[in-house]
Amino acid sequence: MRVWIDLTNSPHVLVLKPVIDVLRAQGATVEVTVRDFAQTVGLAQRLGVQHTVIGHHRGEKLAAKAAGLVDRSTALLRWARARPRFDLALGHGSNDITVAAALLRIPRSTMFDYEWATVQHTINCRLSGAVVVPDAIPPERLDRYGARRKLQRYPGLKEEYYLADFEPDTAVLDELSLDPALPIAVVRTPPVVSLYHRFENDVFASVLDRLRGTQTVVLPRVESQRPQLGGFIVPEQAIDAPSLIALADLVVSAGGTMNREAVALGTPVWTTFEGRLGAVDERLIAEGRMNRLQSADALQLVKHDRTGDAARIRRDPADLVRLLTAPLR
């Protein structure tokens, strides 16, 4: 079996790396394409994911995104057409591979865990043969995308699958010159280029004011955010973010994946997301596993005592592979 996987954003490298490993262990030939955006290329290199870089992010405006979809899907189509035929194409929210694979009549799957990215899901769900989502998302929320009969649902968080075998490496602390005896905070900037997050985030700005001068690592999503982050530790290249999160005492993020990684790894986490909450985050907040930050005054940066942490939930990535390969059954 030949499988094509497309990575369009840095979290997708972590999500799909175990999927790639399982597929190859099962005897599949896997080829990977990567969009040059954020630290996706650097993270793929760091994790040893062999890949071909095709295209780049075109900007945050809707017209630019539409042009980017056409251009990159066309480039992917040309690349795939020149290779031996693929039996399956898949990505985590990648419109580009879904469109290209549909034009080439390659069976395709998509996965995501945030249901309100309307434009993205309208394309992916209608063109894909399988839609892999967490069971926290009520199926009726996906009806308008044409996904109901294609749903392949999994329990828990996707992070519990791709972090199943993960153990933190303290080398990241030395890499960033962090003192493990002092509290460590990790902050992820808002997803300003995402269509589903068009808000001025005053809470996030106050978070930066409160944490400035502490041992805080800020991970910008795009280079244009970097000049605003004076007074913080800002990595120059892709780092071992899961290890950093696992060793941190506080995580604050306006996005989703890093927050859920913190939940999966037992690190206190606050979300400053100002868009419409998805079902996964609604459940985590209701269960007290994640906090929604209304005011930066609520943040307390102190050493986190992990002696009372609950045992981590570890799930088998092969279960995701089974769902993603549903179009072949």
C-alpha atoms as a PDB file:
ATOM      1  CA  MET A   1       0.000   0.000   0.000  1.00  0.00           C
ATOM      2  CA  ARG A   2       1.214   3.484  -0.885  1.00  0.00           C
ATOM      3  CA  VAL A   3       0.113   6.328   1.395  1.00  0.00           C
ATOM      4  CA  TRP A   4       0.530  10.073   0.901  1.00  0.00           C
ATOM      5  CA  ILE A   5       0.477  12.333   3.956  1.00  0.00           C
ATOM      6  CA  ASP A   6       0.481  16.143   3.860  1.00  0.00           C
ATOM      7  CA  LEU A   7       1.618  18.336   6.760  1.00  0.00           C
ATOM      8  CA  THR A   8       0.499  21.977   6.622  1.00  0.00           C
ATOM      9  CA  ASN A   9       1.179  23.211  10.182  1.00  0.00           C
ATOM     10  CA  SER A  10       3.721  22.400  12.868  1.00  0.00           C
ATOM     11  CA  PRO A  11       1.376  20.463  15.239  1.00  0.00           C
ATOM     12  CA  HIS A  12       0.510  18.105  12.397  1.00  0.00           C
ATOM     13  CA  VAL A  13       4.071  16.755  12.379  1.00  0.00           C
ATOM     14  CA  LEU A  14       3.622  15.510  15.940  1.00  0.00           C
ATOM     15  CA  VAL A  15       0.089  14.237  15.311  1.00  0.00           C
ATOM     16  CA  LEU A  16       0.943  12.221  12.220  1.00  0.00           C
ATOM     17  CA  LYS A  17       4.477  11.018  12.992  1.00  0.00           C
ATOM     18  CA  PRO A  18       3.164   7.962  14.930  1.00  0.00           C
ATOM     19  CA  VAL A  19       0.644   7.330  12.140  1.00  0.00           C
ATOM     20  CA  ILE A  20       3.521   7.280   9.655  1.00  0.00           C
ATOM     21  CA  ASP A  21       5.482   4.904  11.898  1.00  0.00           C
ATOM     22  CA  VAL A  22       2.524   2.512  12.305  1.00  0.00           C
ATOM     23  CA  LEU A  23       1.789   2.487   8.579  1.00  0.00           C
ATOM     24  CA  ARG A  24       5.394   1.699   7.751  1.00  0.00           C
ATOM     25  CA  ALA A  25       5.488  -1.015  10.417  1.00  0.00           C
ATOM     26  CA  GLN A  26       2.467  -2.531   8.677  1.00  0.00           C
ATOM     27  CA  GLY A  27       4.392  -2.604   5.403  1.00  0.00           C
ATOM     28  CA  ALA A  28       3.063   0.565   3.737  1.00  0.00           C
ATOM     29  CA  THR A  29       5.197   2.917   1.685  1.00  0.00           C
ATOM     30  CA  VAL A  30       4.593   6.437   3.008  1.00  0.00           C
ATOM     31  CA  GLU A  31       5.568   9.672   1.280  1.00  0.00           C
ATOM     32  CA  VAL A  32       5.179  13.035   2.995  1.00  0.00           C
ATOM     33  CA  THR A  33       4.706  16.537   1.626  1.00  0.00           C
ATOM     34  CA  VAL A  34       5.134  19.607   3.834  1.00  0.00           C
ATOM     35  CA  ARG A  35       3.966  23.202   3.543  1.00  0.00           C
ATOM     36  CA  ASP A  36       6.562  25.811   4.499  1.00  0.00           C
ATOM     37  CA  PHE A  37       4.670  27.503   7.328  1.00  0.00           C
ATOM     38  CA  ALA A  38       5.516  28.320  10.949  1.00  0.00           C
ATOM     39  CA  GLN A  39       8.067  25.663  12.005  1.00  0.00           C
ATOM     40  CA  THR A  40       6.570  22.742  10.101  1.00  0.00           C
ATOM     41  CA  VAL A  41       9.652  22.090   7.981  1.00  0.00           C
ATOM     42  CA  GLY A  42      12.051  22.461  10.912  1.00  0.00           C
ATOM     43  CA  LEU A  43       9.990  20.146  13.108  1.00  0.00           C
ATOM     44  CA  ALA A  44       9.793  17.509  10.373  1.00  0.00           C
ATOM     45  CA  GLN A  45      13.562  17.661  10.076  1.00  0.00           C
ATOM     46  CA  ARG A  46      13.998  17.473  13.844  1.00  0.00           C
ATOM     47  CA  LEU A  47      11.791  14.389  14.128  1.00  0.00           C
ATOM     48  CA  GLY A  48      13.399  12.654  11.151  1.00  0.00           C
ATOM     49  CA  VAL A  49      10.316  12.743   8.924  1.00  0.00           C
ATOM     50  CA  GLN A  50      11.556  12.536   5.351  1.00  0.00           C
ATOM     51  CA  HIS A  51       9.547  14.930   3.231  1.00  0.00           C
ATOM     52  CA  THR A  52       9.224  17.086   0.157  1.00  0.00           C
ATOM     53  CA  VAL A  53       8.544  20.793   0.733  1.00  0.00           C
ATOM     54  CA  ILE A  54       5.795  22.078  -1.553  1.00  0.00           C
ATOM     55  CA  GLY A  55       4.324  25.578  -1.271  1.00  0.00           C
ATOM     56  CA  HIS A  56       4.034  28.051   1.557  1.00  0.00           C
ATOM     57  CA  HIS A  57       1.392  29.916   3.529  1.00  0.00           C
ATOM     58  CA  ARG A  58      -0.081  32.777   1.521  1.00  0.00           C
ATOM     59  CA  GLY A  59      -1.302  35.015   4.352  1.00  0.00           C
ATOM     60  CA  GLU A  60      -4.263  35.509   6.634  1.00  0.00           C
ATOM     61  CA  LYS A  61      -6.784  37.172   4.302  1.00  0.00           C
ATOM     62  CA  LEU A  62      -9.497  34.999   2.817  1.00  0.00           C
ATOM     63  CA  ALA A  63      -8.539  35.866  -0.776  1.00  0.00           C
ATOM     64  CA  ALA A  64      -4.916  34.962  -0.091  1.00  0.00           C
ATOM     65  CA  LYS A  65      -5.973  31.670   1.483  1.00  0.00           C
ATOM     66  CA  ALA A  66      -8.127  30.855  -1.523  1.00  0.00           C
ATOM     67  CA  ALA A  67      -5.259  31.609  -3.897  1.00  0.00           C
ATOM     68  CA  GLY A  68      -2.963  29.517  -1.739  1.00  0.00           C
ATOM     69  CA  LEU A  69      -5.376  26.575  -1.855  1.00  0.00           C
ATOM     70  CA  VAL A  70      -5.524  26.685  -5.658  1.00  0.00           C
ATOM     71  CA  ASP A  71      -1.778  27.117  -6.114  1.00  0.00           C
ATOM     72  CA  ARG A  72      -0.654  24.516  -3.610  1.00  0.00           C
ATOM     73  CA  SER A  73      -3.288  21.943  -4.548  1.00  0.00           C
ATOM     74  CA  THR A  74      -2.154  22.296  -8.160  1.00  0.00           C
ATOM     75  CA  ALA A  75       1.477  21.866  -7.136  1.00  0.00           C
ATOM     76  CA  LEU A  76       0.606  18.791  -5.071  1.00  0.00           C
ATOM     77  CA  LEU A  77      -1.375  17.357  -7.977  1.00  0.00           C
ATOM     78  CA  ARG A  78       1.629  17.728 -10.292  1.00  0.00           C
ATOM     79  CA  TRP A  79       3.928  16.151  -7.692  1.00  0.00           C
ATOM     80  CA  ALA A  80       1.636  13.187  -7.045  1.00  0.00           C
ATOM     81  CA  ARG A  81       0.884  12.601 -10.717  1.00  0.00           C
ATOM     82  CA  ALA A  82       4.615  12.110 -11.346  1.00  0.00           C
ATOM     83  CA  ARG A  83       4.824   9.359  -8.679  1.00  0.00           C
ATOM     84  CA  PRO A  84       3.546   5.782  -8.625  1.00  0.00           C
ATOM     85  CA  ARG A  85      -0.155   5.904  -7.827  1.00  0.00           C
ATOM     86  CA  PHE A  86      -1.095   6.300  -4.164  1.00  0.00           C
ATOM     87  CA  ASP A  87      -3.717   4.090  -2.552  1.00  0.00           C
ATOM     88  CA  LEU A  88      -4.624   6.621   0.165  1.00  0.00           C
ATOM     89  CA  ALA A  89      -4.101  10.319   0.912  1.00  0.00           C
ATOM     90  CA  LEU A  90      -4.585  11.877   4.323  1.00  0.00           C
ATOM     91  CA  GLY A  91      -3.911  14.964   6.395  1.00  0.00           C
ATOM     92  CA  HIS A  92      -4.929  16.776   9.540  1.00  0.00           C
ATOM     93  CA  GLY A  93      -7.176  19.537   8.207  1.00  0.00           C
ATOM     94  CA  SER A  94      -5.206  19.885   4.957  1.00  0.00           C
ATOM     95  CA  ASN A  95      -7.530  21.180   2.247  1.00  0.00           C
ATOM     96  CA  ASP A  96      -4.643  21.046  -0.199  1.00  0.00           C
ATOM     97  CA  ILE A  97      -4.172  17.276  -0.206  1.00  0.00           C
ATOM     98  CA  THR A  98      -7.921  16.639  -0.147  1.00  0.00           C
ATOM     99  CA  VAL A  99      -8.485  18.711  -3.289  1.00  0.00           C
ATOM    100  CA  ALA A 100      -5.458  17.271  -5.108  1.00  0.00           C
ATOM    101  CA  ALA A 101      -6.334  13.684  -4.162  1.00  0.00           C
ATOM    102  CA  ALA A 102      -9.960  14.163  -5.228  1.00  0.00           C
ATOM    103  CA  LEU A 103      -8.838  15.367  -8.652  1.00  0.00           C
ATOM    104  CA  LEU A 104      -6.592  12.315  -8.937  1.00  0.00           C
ATOM    105  CA  ARG A 105      -9.359   9.983  -7.661  1.00  0.00           C
ATOM    106  CA  ILE A 106      -7.204   8.800  -4.774  1.00  0.00           C
ATOM    107  CA  PRO A 107      -9.175   7.589  -1.704  1.00  0.00           C
ATOM    108  CA  ARG A 108      -8.729  10.161   1.057  1.00  0.00           C
ATOM    109  CA  SER A 109      -9.257  10.792   4.760  1.00  0.00           C
ATOM    110  CA  THR A 110      -9.170  13.903   6.883  1.00  0.00           C
ATOM    111  CA  MET A 111      -8.971  14.390  10.630  1.00  0.00           C
ATOM    112  CA  PHE A 112      -9.509  17.330  12.975  1.00  0.00           C
ATOM    113  CA  ASP A 113     -10.607  18.039  16.542  1.00  0.00           C
ATOM    114  CA  TYR A 114     -12.062  21.567  16.296  1.00  0.00           C
ATOM    115  CA  GLU A 115     -15.433  21.670  14.583  1.00  0.00           C
ATOM    116  CA  TRP A 116     -15.936  25.380  13.901  1.00  0.00           C
ATOM    117  CA  ALA A 117     -13.334  25.910  11.135  1.00  0.00           C
ATOM    118  CA  THR A 118     -16.194  26.213   8.658  1.00  0.00           C
ATOM    119  CA  VAL A 119     -14.364  26.871   5.384  1.00  0.00           C
ATOM    120  CA  GLN A 120     -11.798  24.147   6.001  1.00  0.00           C
ATOM    121  CA  HIS A 121     -14.327  21.497   6.972  1.00  0.00           C
ATOM    122  CA  THR A 122     -16.782  22.333   4.188  1.00  0.00           C
ATOM    123  CA  ILE A 123     -14.084  21.368   1.701  1.00  0.00           C
ATOM    124  CA  ASN A 124     -12.488  18.466   3.554  1.00  0.00           C
ATOM    125  CA  CYS A 125     -15.589  16.700   4.812  1.00  0.00           C
ATOM    126  CA  ARG A 126     -17.418  16.800   1.489  1.00  0.00           C
ATOM    127  CA  LEU A 127     -14.426  15.548  -0.504  1.00  0.00           C
ATOM    128  CA  SER A 128     -13.092  12.953   1.962  1.00  0.00           C
ATOM    129  CA  GLY A 129     -14.179   9.351   2.318  1.00  0.00           C
ATOM    130  CA  ALA A 130     -13.514   9.295   6.070  1.00  0.00           C
ATOM    131  CA  VAL A 131     -13.684  12.082   8.660  1.00  0.00           C
ATOM    132  CA  VAL A 132     -11.761  11.130  11.809  1.00  0.00           C
ATOM    133  CA  VAL A 133     -12.743  13.134  14.897  1.00  0.00           C
ATOM    134  CA  PRO A 134     -12.848  12.743  18.702  1.00  0.00           C
ATOM    135  CA  ASP A 135     -16.086  11.379  20.114  1.00  0.00           C
ATOM    136  CA  ALA A 136     -16.470  14.546  22.195  1.00  0.00           C
ATOM    137  CA  ILE A 137     -17.769  16.336  19.077  1.00  0.00           C
ATOM    138  CA  PRO A 138     -21.540  15.771  18.704  1.00  0.00           C
ATOM    139  CA  PRO A 139     -22.197  14.368  15.211  1.00  0.00           C
ATOM    140  CA  GLU A 140     -24.937  16.936  14.591  1.00  0.00           C
ATOM    141  CA  ARG A 141     -22.334  19.725  14.704  1.00  0.00           C
ATOM    142  CA  LEU A 142     -20.757  18.197  11.605  1.00  0.00           C
ATOM    143  CA  ASP A 143     -23.933  17.649   9.597  1.00  0.00           C
ATOM    144  CA  ARG A 144     -23.660  20.938   7.736  1.00  0.00           C
ATOM    145  CA  TYR A 145     -20.291  19.809   6.356  1.00  0.00           C
ATOM    146  CA  GLY A 146     -21.746  16.606   4.948  1.00  0.00           C
ATOM    147  CA  ALA A 147     -19.750  14.463   7.374  1.00  0.00           C
ATOM    148  CA  ARG A 148     -22.377  12.400   9.204  1.00  0.00           C
ATOM    149  CA  ARG A 149     -22.105   9.155   7.208  1.00  0.00           C
ATOM    150  CA  LYS A 150     -18.313   9.430   6.980  1.00  0.00           C
ATOM    151  CA  LEU A 151     -17.513   9.832  10.671  1.00  0.00           C
ATOM    152  CA  GLN A 152     -14.850   7.669  12.264  1.00  0.00           C
ATOM    153  CA  ARG A 153     -14.825   8.639  15.959  1.00  0.00           C
ATOM    154  CA  TYR A 154     -12.157   7.940  18.557  1.00  0.00           C
ATOM    155  CA  PRO A 155     -12.226   8.251  22.367  1.00  0.00           C
ATOM    156  CA  GLY A 156     -10.125  10.774  24.249  1.00  0.00           C
ATOM    157  CA  LEU A 157      -7.683  13.341  22.886  1.00  0.00           C
ATOM    158  CA  LYS A 158      -5.536  12.955  19.777  1.00  0.00           C
ATOM    159  CA  GLU A 159      -2.638  13.977  22.030  1.00  0.00           C
ATOM    160  CA  GLU A 160      -3.133  10.813  24.083  1.00  0.00           C
ATOM    161  CA  TYR A 161      -2.385   8.823  20.926  1.00  0.00           C
ATOM    162  CA  TYR A 162       0.668  10.597  19.561  1.00  0.00           C
ATOM    163  CA  LEU A 163       2.187  11.090  23.021  1.00  0.00           C
ATOM    164  CA  ALA A 164       1.536   7.480  24.033  1.00  0.00           C
ATOM    165  CA  ASP A 165       5.227   6.503  24.126  1.00  0.00           C
ATOM    166  CA  PHE A 166       6.517   9.961  24.995  1.00  0.00           C
ATOM    167  CA  GLU A 167       8.784  10.664  27.963  1.00  0.00           C
ATOM    168  CA  PRO A 168      10.196  14.181  28.475  1.00  0.00           C
ATOM    169  CA  ASP A 169      13.826  14.926  27.687  1.00  0.00           C
ATOM    170  CA  THR A 170      15.445  17.460  30.036  1.00  0.00           C
ATOM    171  CA  ALA A 171      17.884  18.472  27.279  1.00  0.00           C
ATOM    172  CA  VAL A 172      15.358  21.096  26.169  1.00  0.00           C
ATOM    173  CA  LEU A 173      15.946  22.968  29.436  1.00  0.00           C
ATOM    174  CA  ASP A 174      19.663  23.252  28.699  1.00  0.00           C
ATOM    175  CA  GLU A 175      18.927  24.217  25.104  1.00  0.00           C
ATOM    176  CA  LEU A 176      16.878  27.190  26.319  1.00  0.00           C
ATOM    177  CA  SER A 177      19.077  27.956  29.366  1.00  0.00           C
ATOM    178  CA  LEU A 178      16.214  27.280  31.775  1.00  0.00           C
ATOM    179  CA  ASP A 179      16.741  26.693  35.482  1.00  0.00           C
ATOM    180  CA  PRO A 180      14.618  23.694  36.566  1.00  0.00           C
ATOM    181  CA  ALA A 181      14.692  24.940  40.174  1.00  0.00           C
ATOM    182  CA  LEU A 182      12.637  27.988  39.165  1.00  0.00           C
ATOM    183  CA  PRO A 183       9.062  28.047  37.821  1.00  0.00           C
ATOM    184  CA  ILE A 184       8.803  27.725  34.059  1.00  0.00           C
ATOM    185  CA  ALA A 185       5.924  29.053  31.961  1.00  0.00           C
ATOM    186  CA  VAL A 186       5.236  28.238  28.306  1.00  0.00           C
ATOM    187  CA  VAL A 187       3.103  30.606  26.240  1.00  0.00           C
ATOM    188  CA  ARG A 188       1.807  30.157  22.700  1.00  0.00           C
ATOM    189  CA  THR A 189       0.692  33.233  20.783  1.00  0.00           C
ATOM    190  CA  PRO A 190      -2.813  33.494  19.245  1.00  0.00           C
ATOM    191  CA  PRO A 191      -3.418  31.948  15.794  1.00  0.00           C
ATOM    192  CA  VAL A 192      -3.691  35.299  14.054  1.00  0.00           C
ATOM    193  CA  VAL A 193      -3.671  33.745  10.577  1.00  0.00           C
ATOM    194  CA  SER A 194      -6.588  31.408  11.276  1.00  0.00           C
ATOM    195  CA  LEU A 195      -9.989  32.206   9.801  1.00  0.00           C
ATOM    196  CA  TYR A 196     -11.727  30.948  12.947  1.00  0.00           C
ATOM    197  CA  HIS A 197      -9.823  33.306  15.278  1.00  0.00           C
ATOM    198  CA  ARG A 198     -10.391  36.913  14.192  1.00  0.00           C
ATOM    199  CA  PHE A 199     -10.221  38.667  17.540  1.00  0.00           C
ATOM    200  CA  GLU A 200      -8.038  41.235  19.270  1.00  0.00           C
ATOM    201  CA  ASN A 201      -6.930  39.277  22.307  1.00  0.00           C
ATOM    202  CA  ASP A 202      -6.653  41.728  25.201  1.00  0.00           C
ATOM    203  CA  VAL A 203      -6.418  38.906  27.731  1.00  0.00           C
ATOM    204  CA  PHE A 204      -3.407  37.493  25.944  1.00  0.00           C
ATOM    205  CA  ALA A 205      -1.697  40.894  25.958  1.00  0.00           C
ATOM    206  CA  SER A 206      -2.196  41.109  29.719  1.00  0.00           C
ATOM    207  CA  VAL A 207      -0.735  37.605  30.098  1.00  0.00           C
ATOM    208  CA  LEU A 208       2.474  38.838  28.490  1.00  0.00           C
ATOM    209  CA  ASP A 209       2.528  41.859  30.803  1.00  0.00           C
ATOM    210  CA  ARG A 210       2.087  39.657  33.856  1.00  0.00           C
ATOM    211  CA  LEU A 211       4.750  37.105  32.886  1.00  0.00           C
ATOM    212  CA  ARG A 212       7.387  39.470  31.507  1.00  0.00           C
ATOM    213  CA  GLY A 213      10.554  39.143  33.577  1.00  0.00           C
ATOM    214  CA  THR A 214       9.804  35.574  34.691  1.00  0.00           C
ATOM    215  CA  GLN A 215      11.263  32.370  33.247  1.00  0.00           C
ATOM    216  CA  THR A 216       8.772  32.258  30.380  1.00  0.00           C
ATOM    217  CA  VAL A 217       9.229  30.686  26.960  1.00  0.00           C
ATOM    218  CA  VAL A 218       7.025  32.188  24.237  1.00  0.00           C
ATOM    219  CA  LEU A 219       6.441  30.221  21.064  1.00  0.00           C
ATOM    220  CA  PRO A 220       5.324  32.559  18.250  1.00  0.00           C
ATOM    221  CA  ARG A 221       3.203  31.144  15.447  1.00  0.00           C
ATOM    222  CA  VAL A 222       4.617  33.423  12.758  1.00  0.00           C
ATOM    223  CA  GLU A 223       7.789  35.488  12.452  1.00  0.00           C
ATOM    224  CA  SER A 224       5.847  38.767  12.433  1.00  0.00           C
ATOM    225  CA  GLN A 225       4.984  38.184  16.115  1.00  0.00           C
ATOM    226  CA  ARG A 226       8.617  37.854  17.210  1.00  0.00           C
ATOM    227  CA  PRO A 227       9.437  41.615  17.533  1.00  0.00           C
ATOM    228  CA  GLN A 228       6.620  42.007  20.112  1.00  0.00           C
ATOM    229  CA  LEU A 229       8.162  39.446  22.460  1.00  0.00           C
ATOM    230  CA  GLY A 230      11.066  41.285  24.053  1.00  0.00           C
ATOM    231  CA  GLY A 231      11.811  40.159  27.619  1.00  0.00           C
ATOM    232  CA  PHE A 232      10.926  36.525  26.945  1.00  0.00           C
ATOM    233  CA  ILE A 233      12.794  33.423  25.880  1.00  0.00           C
ATOM    234  CA  VAL A 234      11.886  32.970  22.217  1.00  0.00           C
ATOM    235  CA  PRO A 235      13.449  29.924  20.490  1.00  0.00           C
ATOM    236  CA  GLU A 236      15.138  30.614  17.178  1.00  0.00           C
ATOM    237  CA  GLN A 237      14.264  27.192  15.741  1.00  0.00           C
ATOM    238  CA  ALA A 238      11.985  24.226  16.279  1.00  0.00           C
ATOM    239  CA  ILE A 239      12.356  22.737  19.758  1.00  0.00           C
ATOM    240  CA  ASP A 240      11.148  19.686  21.655  1.00  0.00           C
ATOM    241  CA  ALA A 241       7.913  21.399  22.679  1.00  0.00           C
ATOM    242  CA  PRO A 242       6.255  18.346  24.299  1.00  0.00           C
ATOM    243  CA  SER A 243       9.245  17.934  26.630  1.00  0.00           C
ATOM    244  CA  LEU A 244       9.157  21.626  27.460  1.00  0.00           C
ATOM    245  CA  ILE A 245       5.433  21.434  28.219  1.00  0.00           C
ATOM    246  CA  ALA A 246       5.865  18.315  30.354  1.00  0.00           C
ATOM    247  CA  LEU A 247       8.614  19.989  32.397  1.00  0.00           C
ATOM    248  CA  ALA A 248       6.819  23.347  32.705  1.00  0.00           C
ATOM    249  CA  ASP A 249       4.751  24.569  35.641  1.00  0.00           C
ATOM    250  CA  LEU A 250       2.240  26.583  33.620  1.00  0.00           C
ATOM    251  CA  VAL A 251       1.024  26.646  30.023  1.00  0.00           C
ATOM    252  CA  VAL A 252      -1.021  29.457  28.493  1.00  0.00           C
ATOM    253  CA  SER A 253      -2.123  29.256  24.881  1.00  0.00           C
ATOM    254  CA  ALA A 254      -4.753  30.847  22.671  1.00  0.00           C
ATOM    255  CA  GLY A 255      -4.767  27.823  20.404  1.00  0.00           C
ATOM    256  CA  GLY A 256      -5.686  24.206  20.887  1.00  0.00           C
ATOM    257  CA  THR A 257      -3.020  21.554  20.405  1.00  0.00           C
ATOM    258  CA  MET A 258      -0.543  22.867  22.972  1.00  0.00           C
ATOM    259  CA  ASN A 259      -3.291  23.183  25.566  1.00  0.00           C
ATOM    260  CA  ARG A 260      -4.348  19.606  25.032  1.00  0.00           C
ATOM    261  CA  GLU A 261      -0.743  18.433  25.135  1.00  0.00           C
ATOM    262  CA  ALA A 262      -0.493  20.044  28.571  1.00  0.00           C
ATOM    263  CA  VAL A 263      -3.661  18.240  29.653  1.00  0.00           C
ATOM    264  CA  ALA A 264      -2.320  14.927  28.383  1.00  0.00           C
ATOM    265  CA  LEU A 265       1.020  15.479  30.143  1.00  0.00           C
ATOM    266  CA  GLY A 266      -0.404  16.735  33.446  1.00  0.00           C
ATOM    267  CA  THR A 267       0.754  20.372  33.302  1.00  0.00           C
ATOM    268  CA  PRO A 268      -1.611  23.136  34.567  1.00  0.00           C
ATOM    269  CA  VAL A 269      -3.010  24.914  31.530  1.00  0.00           C
ATOM    270  CA  TRP A 270      -5.101  27.994  30.756  1.00  0.00           C
ATOM    271  CA  THR A 271      -6.702  28.867  27.444  1.00  0.00           C
ATOM    272  CA  THR A 272      -7.113  32.443  26.204  1.00  0.00           C
ATOM    273  CA  PHE A 273      -8.925  31.341  23.048  1.00  0.00           C
ATOM    274  CA  GLU A 274     -11.585  33.941  22.189  1.00  0.00           C
ATOM    275  CA  GLY A 275     -13.248  32.138  19.311  1.00  0.00           C
ATOM    276  CA  ARG A 276     -16.101  29.688  19.650  1.00  0.00           C
ATOM    277  CA  LEU A 277     -15.068  26.850  21.923  1.00  0.00           C
ATOM    278  CA  GLY A 278     -15.040  23.394  20.410  1.00  0.00           C
ATOM    279  CA  ALA A 279     -16.561  20.361  22.090  1.00  0.00           C
ATOM    280  CA  VAL A 280     -13.185  18.945  23.137  1.00  0.00           C
ATOM    281  CA  ASP A 281     -12.263  22.089  25.061  1.00  0.00           C
ATOM    282  CA  GLU A 282     -15.786  22.371  26.459  1.00  0.00           C
ATOM    283  CA  ARG A 283     -15.412  18.896  27.923  1.00  0.00           C
ATOM    284  CA  LEU A 284     -11.915  19.541  29.317  1.00  0.00           C
ATOM    285  CA  ILE A 285     -13.064  22.738  31.014  1.00  0.00           C
ATOM    286  CA  ALA A 286     -16.175  21.040  32.421  1.00  0.00           C
ATOM    287  CA  GLU A 287     -13.982  18.256  33.813  1.00  0.00           C
ATOM    288  CA  GLY A 288     -11.559  20.760  35.362  1.00  0.00           C
ATOM    289  CA  ARG A 289      -8.656  19.523  33.249  1.00  0.00           C
ATOM    290  CA  MET A 290      -8.221  22.908  31.547  1.00  0.00           C
ATOM    291  CA  ASN A 291      -9.045  26.444  32.698  1.00  0.00           C
ATOM    292  CA  ARG A 292     -10.448  29.329  30.674  1.00  0.00           C
ATOM    293  CA  LEU A 293      -8.579  32.525  31.469  1.00  0.00           C
ATOM    294  CA  GLN A 294     -10.719  35.616  31.904  1.00  0.00           C
ATOM    295  CA  SER A 295      -8.056  37.730  33.645  1.00  0.00           C
ATOM    296  CA  ALA A 296      -4.279  37.432  33.815  1.00  0.00           C
ATOM    297  CA  ASP A 297      -4.564  38.084  37.560  1.00  0.00           C
ATOM    298  CA  ALA A 298      -5.661  34.453  37.940  1.00  0.00           C
ATOM    299  CA  LEU A 299      -2.253  33.172  36.840  1.00  0.00           C
ATOM    300  CA  GLN A 300       0.088  31.879  39.521  1.00  0.00           C
ATOM    301  CA  LEU A 301       3.558  30.921  38.323  1.00  0.00           C
ATOM    302  CA  VAL A 302       4.825  28.553  41.009  1.00  0.00           C
ATOM    303  CA  LYS A 303       6.582  25.196  40.955  1.00  0.00           C
ATOM    304  CA  HIS A 304       4.083  22.484  40.128  1.00  0.00           C
ATOM    305  CA  ASP A 305       4.095  19.533  42.516  1.00  0.00           C
ATOM    306  CA  ARG A 306       3.722  16.487  40.294  1.00  0.00           C
ATOM    307  CA  THR A 307       3.620  13.923  43.093  1.00  0.00           C
ATOM    308  CA  GLY A 308      -0.179  13.969  43.014  1.00  0.00           C
ATOM    309  CA  ASP A 309      -0.571  13.908  39.234  1.00  0.00           C
ATOM    310  CA  ALA A 310      -3.007  11.360  37.885  1.00  0.00           C
ATOM    311  CA  ALA A 311      -1.583   8.603  35.707  1.00  0.00           C
ATOM    312  CA  ARG A 312      -1.304   9.623  32.067  1.00  0.00           C
ATOM    313  CA  ILE A 313      -3.770   8.208  29.582  1.00  0.00           C
ATOM    314  CA  ARG A 314      -1.901   6.492  26.761  1.00  0.00           C
ATOM    315  CA  ARG A 315      -3.740   5.287  23.664  1.00  0.00           C
ATOM    316  CA  ASP A 316      -2.594   3.205  20.712  1.00  0.00           C
ATOM    317  CA  PRO A 317      -1.858   5.197  17.497  1.00  0.00           C
ATOM    318  CA  ALA A 318      -2.747   2.052  15.540  1.00  0.00           C
ATOM    319  CA  ASP A 319      -6.372   2.805  16.432  1.00  0.00           C
ATOM    320  CA  LEU A 320      -6.119   6.102  14.510  1.00  0.00           C
ATOM    321  CA  VAL A 321      -4.548   4.290  11.559  1.00  0.00           C
ATOM    322  CA  ARG A 322      -7.485   1.894  11.478  1.00  0.00           C
ATOM    323  CA  LEU A 323      -9.923   4.820  11.282  1.00  0.00           C
ATOM    324  CA  LEU A 324      -7.890   6.765   8.730  1.00  0.00           C
ATOM    325  CA  THR A 325      -7.705   3.765   6.400  1.00  0.00           C
ATOM    326  CA  ALA A 326     -11.484   3.272   6.470  1.00  0.00           C
ATOM    327  CA  PRO A 327     -11.893   4.347   2.784  1.00  0.00           C
ATOM    328  CA  LEU A 328      -9.904   1.263   1.775  1.00  0.00           C
ATOM    329  CA  ARG A 329     -12.268  -1.177   3.483  1.00  0.00           C
END
